[in-house]
Structures are given as structure tokens and as C-alpha cells.
Amino acid sequence: MKIGHQLKKARESKRLSQHEVGELLGISQKTLSNIESNKSQPTVAHLALMGEIYEMDILKLLSENGIHLSPPPPQFL
């Protein structure tokens, strides 16, 4: 199952509408619909907020979908 579909299931399990979540994220209902149908990608900031709203581990969700985030390399001055 793709990330968008998993985010939709999480939203529905919290009994939240796309409009409600869109307002919390500062995006339109249509944008959230596009994310949930995998037509567009959420920003990292939106993913983090969705994790809080849906009480889910976003890093685990990404990892399960083959996306592994690593810290940026150290910068030397």
C-alpha cells in the first residue's frame, strides 16, 4: 500500500475529514486529496504534522515504503 493510502486510512481511523486535516496543515482539501491518492507528495513538514495529528510514526511509515532518511553529512568549516 502506498504512503497516500496509508495516510488516508490513518485519517479515517481518527474520524477526521479532509477539510479538518487540511485546515490543521494549512493546505486545501483538494491538496490533501491529491496526497492521499498519491497524485502529489506531501512535504516533510506536512508529514511531520500528520504524524502528530494521526499519532503515527512517520519514520516507520517511510521505512516500510522503502524511503530511508539519513542525517545530513557533517559540514567542516
Protein backbone atom coordinates (compact mmCIF):
# COMPACT_ATOMS: atom_id res chain seq x y z
CA MET A 1 0.00 0.00 0.00
CA LYS A 2 1.36 3.41 -0.93
CA ILE A 3 2.00 6.20 1.56
CA GLY A 4 -1.00 8.28 0.49
CA HIS A 5 -3.40 5.40 1.03
CA GLN A 6 -1.88 4.70 4.44
CA LEU A 7 -2.26 8.36 5.40
CA LYS A 8 -5.91 8.23 4.31
CA LYS A 9 -6.55 5.14 6.44
CA ALA A 10 -4.91 6.86 9.43
CA ARG A 11 -7.07 9.97 8.94
CA GLU A 12 -10.23 7.90 8.64
CA SER A 13 -9.34 5.91 11.76
CA LYS A 14 -9.25 9.23 13.65
CA ARG A 15 -12.65 10.12 12.12
CA LEU A 16 -11.30 13.34 10.65
CA SER A 17 -12.42 14.86 7.36
CA GLN A 18 -10.03 16.00 4.66
CA HIS A 19 -11.26 19.54 5.29
CA GLU A 20 -10.42 19.35 9.01
CA VAL A 21 -6.94 17.96 8.42
CA GLY A 22 -6.32 20.40 5.58
CA GLU A 23 -7.06 23.29 7.93
CA LEU A 24 -4.66 21.90 10.54
CA LEU A 25 -1.96 21.53 7.88
CA GLY A 26 -2.67 24.87 6.19
CA ILE A 27 -3.49 23.23 2.85
CA SER A 28 -6.67 22.83 0.84
CA GLN A 29 -8.91 19.78 0.94
CA LYS A 30 -8.01 19.19 -2.72
CA THR A 31 -4.27 19.15 -1.94
CA LEU A 32 -4.83 16.61 0.83
CA SER A 33 -6.97 14.55 -1.54
CA ASN A 34 -4.12 14.57 -4.08
CA ILE A 35 -1.67 13.42 -1.38
CA GLU A 36 -3.98 10.62 -0.25
CA SER A 37 -4.50 9.43 -3.83
CA ASN A 38 -0.73 9.55 -4.48
CA LYS A 39 -1.10 12.25 -7.14
CA SER A 40 1.24 14.56 -5.22
CA GLN A 41 3.84 14.25 -2.48
CA PRO A 42 3.50 15.78 0.98
CA THR A 43 6.27 17.99 2.26
CA VAL A 44 8.41 16.76 5.14
CA ALA A 45 6.78 19.40 7.35
CA HIS A 46 3.30 18.16 6.41
CA LEU A 47 4.34 14.55 7.04
CA ALA A 48 5.61 15.52 10.48
CA LEU A 49 2.32 17.27 11.31
CA MET A 50 0.30 14.33 10.01
CA GLY A 51 2.32 12.07 12.28
CA GLU A 52 1.28 14.20 15.24
CA ILE A 53 -2.36 14.51 14.16
CA TYR A 54 -2.72 10.79 13.41
CA GLU A 55 -0.48 9.69 16.30
CA MET A 56 1.68 7.60 14.00
CA ASP A 57 5.40 7.09 13.47
CA ILE A 58 6.12 8.74 10.14
CA LEU A 59 9.72 7.46 10.00
CA LYS A 60 8.39 3.91 10.30
CA LEU A 61 5.81 4.61 7.57
CA LEU A 62 8.52 5.90 5.26
CA SER A 63 10.83 2.99 6.05
CA GLU A 64 8.07 0.47 5.32
CA ASN A 65 7.72 2.11 1.91
CA GLY A 66 11.43 1.91 1.10
CA ILE A 67 12.24 5.51 1.98
CA HIS A 68 15.11 5.83 4.43
CA LEU A 69 16.07 9.23 5.75
CA SER A 70 19.57 9.83 6.95
CA PRO A 71 21.04 12.86 8.69
CA PRO A 72 22.90 15.35 6.53
CA PRO A 73 26.67 14.86 6.32
CA PRO A 74 28.74 16.93 8.73
CA GLN A 75 29.95 20.26 7.45
CA PHE A 76 33.50 21.28 8.06
CA LEU A 77 34.47 24.92 8.25
